[in-house]
Amino acid sequence: MLDFEQELKNFKPSLEVEDIEDAVYQEDMSDMTELIKEIINQTK
């Protein structure tokens, strides 16, 4: 049977996940409201 406490102690997150997390936090991402406003302004 698995010892979940021991498995959690052995867990190490993937480096790819950490890289993606850093990239997401560093980006200035627009939300849907900003995107819709920009599209409306471009069509005028």
N, C-alpha and C. Protein backbone atom coordinates (compact mmCIF):
# COMPACT_ATOMS: atom_id res chain seq x y z
N MET A 1 0.83 -1.19 0.00
CA MET A 1 0.00 0.00 0.00
C MET A 1 0.88 1.26 0.00
N LEU A 2 0.40 2.31 -0.63
CA LEU A 2 1.18 3.54 -0.72
C LEU A 2 1.15 4.32 0.59
N ASP A 3 2.29 4.88 0.94
CA ASP A 3 2.39 5.78 2.07
C ASP A 3 2.37 7.20 1.49
N PHE A 4 1.20 7.83 1.53
CA PHE A 4 1.04 9.13 0.88
C PHE A 4 1.92 10.21 1.49
N GLU A 5 2.12 10.15 2.79
CA GLU A 5 2.98 11.15 3.43
C GLU A 5 4.40 11.05 2.90
N GLN A 6 4.89 9.83 2.75
CA GLN A 6 6.25 9.63 2.21
C GLN A 6 6.32 10.06 0.75
N GLU A 7 5.29 9.74 -0.02
CA GLU A 7 5.26 10.14 -1.43
C GLU A 7 5.28 11.66 -1.57
N LEU A 8 4.55 12.36 -0.71
CA LEU A 8 4.54 13.82 -0.75
C LEU A 8 5.92 14.40 -0.41
N LYS A 9 6.61 13.76 0.51
CA LYS A 9 7.95 14.22 0.86
C LYS A 9 8.91 14.06 -0.32
N ASN A 10 8.70 13.02 -1.12
CA ASN A 10 9.58 12.75 -2.26
C ASN A 10 9.22 13.56 -3.50
N PHE A 11 8.08 14.21 -3.49
CA PHE A 11 7.60 14.93 -4.67
C PHE A 11 8.47 16.14 -4.97
N LYS A 12 8.86 16.27 -6.25
CA LYS A 12 9.58 17.44 -6.72
C LYS A 12 8.89 17.91 -7.99
N PRO A 13 8.43 19.17 -8.03
CA PRO A 13 7.72 19.64 -9.22
C PRO A 13 8.63 19.67 -10.44
N SER A 14 8.02 19.50 -11.58
CA SER A 14 8.74 19.54 -12.84
C SER A 14 9.30 20.93 -13.07
N LEU A 15 10.51 21.01 -13.60
CA LEU A 15 11.10 22.31 -13.92
C LEU A 15 10.28 23.04 -14.97
N GLU A 16 9.66 22.31 -15.87
CA GLU A 16 8.85 22.93 -16.91
C GLU A 16 7.70 23.72 -16.29
N VAL A 17 7.08 23.17 -15.26
CA VAL A 17 5.97 23.85 -14.60
C VAL A 17 6.46 25.14 -13.97
N GLU A 18 7.60 25.09 -13.31
CA GLU A 18 8.15 26.30 -12.68
C GLU A 18 8.49 27.36 -13.73
N ASP A 19 9.03 26.93 -14.86
CA ASP A 19 9.36 27.88 -15.93
C ASP A 19 8.11 28.55 -16.48
N ILE A 20 7.07 27.77 -16.68
CA ILE A 20 5.81 28.31 -17.19
C ILE A 20 5.21 29.28 -16.18
N GLU A 21 5.25 28.92 -14.91
CA GLU A 21 4.71 29.79 -13.87
C GLU A 21 5.40 31.14 -13.89
N ASP A 22 6.73 31.15 -13.97
CA ASP A 22 7.48 32.41 -14.00
C ASP A 22 7.11 33.23 -15.23
N ALA A 23 6.99 32.58 -16.38
CA ALA A 23 6.65 33.28 -17.61
C ALA A 23 5.27 33.91 -17.53
N VAL A 24 4.32 33.20 -16.95
CA VAL A 24 2.96 33.72 -16.84
C VAL A 24 2.93 34.94 -15.93
N TYR A 25 3.62 34.87 -14.81
CA TYR A 25 3.60 35.99 -13.88
C TYR A 25 4.32 37.21 -14.44
N GLN A 26 5.29 37.02 -15.32
CA GLN A 26 6.04 38.14 -15.87
C GLN A 26 5.32 38.82 -17.02
N GLU A 27 4.41 38.13 -17.67
CA GLU A 27 3.68 38.70 -18.80
C GLU A 27 2.59 39.65 -18.31
N ASP A 28 2.37 40.71 -19.08
CA ASP A 28 1.26 41.62 -18.81
C ASP A 28 0.10 41.12 -19.66
N MET A 29 -0.70 40.27 -19.09
CA MET A 29 -1.77 39.63 -19.84
C MET A 29 -3.06 40.45 -19.75
N SER A 30 -3.71 40.59 -20.88
CA SER A 30 -4.97 41.32 -20.92
C SER A 30 -6.11 40.38 -20.54
N ASP A 31 -7.11 40.93 -19.87
CA ASP A 31 -8.28 40.10 -19.61
C ASP A 31 -9.29 40.28 -20.75
N MET A 32 -10.36 39.53 -20.70
CA MET A 32 -11.33 39.53 -21.80
C MET A 32 -11.96 40.91 -22.00
N THR A 33 -12.20 41.64 -20.93
CA THR A 33 -12.81 42.97 -21.05
C THR A 33 -11.91 43.90 -21.85
N GLU A 34 -10.62 43.88 -21.55
CA GLU A 34 -9.68 44.73 -22.28
C GLU A 34 -9.61 44.34 -23.76
N LEU A 35 -9.64 43.05 -24.03
CA LEU A 35 -9.59 42.59 -25.42
C LEU A 35 -10.83 43.02 -26.20
N ILE A 36 -12.00 42.91 -25.57
CA ILE A 36 -13.24 43.30 -26.25
C ILE A 36 -13.25 44.80 -26.50
N LYS A 37 -12.81 45.59 -25.53
CA LYS A 37 -12.73 47.04 -25.72
C LYS A 37 -11.79 47.40 -26.87
N GLU A 38 -10.67 46.71 -26.96
CA GLU A 38 -9.72 46.98 -28.05
C GLU A 38 -10.33 46.63 -29.40
N ILE A 39 -11.06 45.53 -29.49
CA ILE A 39 -11.69 45.14 -30.74
C ILE A 39 -12.75 46.16 -31.14
N ILE A 40 -13.53 46.63 -30.17
CA ILE A 40 -14.56 47.63 -30.46
C ILE A 40 -13.92 48.93 -30.95
N ASN A 41 -12.84 49.33 -30.31
CA ASN A 41 -12.15 50.57 -30.73
C ASN A 41 -11.56 50.44 -32.13
N GLN A 42 -11.09 49.26 -32.49
CA GLN A 42 -10.50 49.05 -33.80
C GLN A 42 -11.57 49.07 -34.91
N THR A 43 -12.80 48.70 -34.57
CA THR A 43 -13.85 48.65 -35.59
C THR A 43 -14.47 50.02 -35.82
N LYS A 44 -14.22 50.97 -34.95
CA LYS A 44 -14.80 52.31 -35.10
C LYS A 44 -14.08 53.11 -36.14
